[in-house]
Amino acid sequence: MANKAVATVNDDGFYQEQTLPLSILNDFESAASETEFEISANTRRVYKASFSIFNSYCEQHGLSPLPADPRTVISFIGHQKDVYQAKNGHQLSTQTINSRLAAIRFYHIQAGATSPTEHPLVIRVMRGLMRNHNRLVTDYDQQPIMYDELELLLQAIDSKPQLLAKKRDKAIIQLGFQGGFRRSELANIKINHLSFLRDKLKVRLPYSKSNQQGQREWKVLPKSEPFSAFDAVKEWITAAGIKEGHVFRSLSRDCNSIREYHVEQNNSGRGFLRGDDIYQLIKKYCHKAGLDPQYYGAHSLRSGCVTQLHENKKDLLYIMGRTGHTDPRSLNHYLKPTD
């Protein structure tokens, strides 16, 4: 039996071998590489941008951003609130401030440091912000896109001269609306996720915001519904000649052909749309359709799906099955009283 190396217990309470044998190095690195997927690429970008703002604030005042003093975080909250109000007349929403605190927490955990966002005084400040009804904050809620708005968007798409772009963009808009998809979900749909049946389109989601563990999840989209995505998606796939991989592809500058397509193991690559591309595309058509992009965007398709199904007298379980919500309370924000 091999002699066991001397072990120690770290200050954080975790048991630690003094040395690890080279024989397990590959196993360790293989497992450690999975941390790349602990958060989505979009969340990683948001955290990077938010922490950059915090880092600049700390540099300006000669403070340490990592690890950071809880008092620095509280001062940062006050600074962000006041600066934004001076420029726009409104304060940052609690949701935005929480997002920036989440970034600070994430980078501290990554560095193995205690997060200052967990300090009782920081928690008290945020609790006070949430309960301060006198704050005038910017309303970031996007208005729902329903049948009337959807028709305007499709008319705007029809005004394009390029047939391929027209078919792709109609498929994106109609599928996003009927399925209540998030933009990242739309971007990640692949050919093998689609099943065209006699009277419905089934879309499999390997992962979603509410399904991070890859459990089986399907959206069933009836062909008989107004503005059904069935024909639009099928026509786009046929026109583009897509046999495998991502459904929604990048187009050439003249929009007459799809770009070269290549995907790497971490879902990077080229030739396919990302969530941000779909966000910009929907904003563009909202502007063309006369829908103020300040109030309409990619999330308007998802909220419109919920609101329209509610107006169509569908019950909560049916709507949750369509959108993938796991808690009916999450729908309360979207649902409006019907006449």
Foldseek 3Di string as FASTA:
>chain_A
DDDAADWDADPVGDIGGPDDDPVCVVVVVVVVVCVVVPDDPVLVVLLVVLLVLLVVQCVVVVADLAVHALVSLVVVQVVQQVVVCVVPVAGADLVSSVSSLVSSCVVNVVVVHHRSCPDPVNVVVSVVRVPPPPGGHDDQAAAAQADVNLVLLLVLLVVDPQPLSSLLLLLLLLCCQQLLDQLQQLQQFKPVQWDQDDFWIKGWGQADPLRHPRDTAIATGGNPDPSGSRVSLVVNCVQQVDDIDTSAWDADPVRHHFDDWDADPVRDTHTTDGSVNQFVSQLVSCVSSVNHSSRHTSSSSNLNNLANVVQVVDDQVSNCSRNVDPDSVVNVVRYDDYD
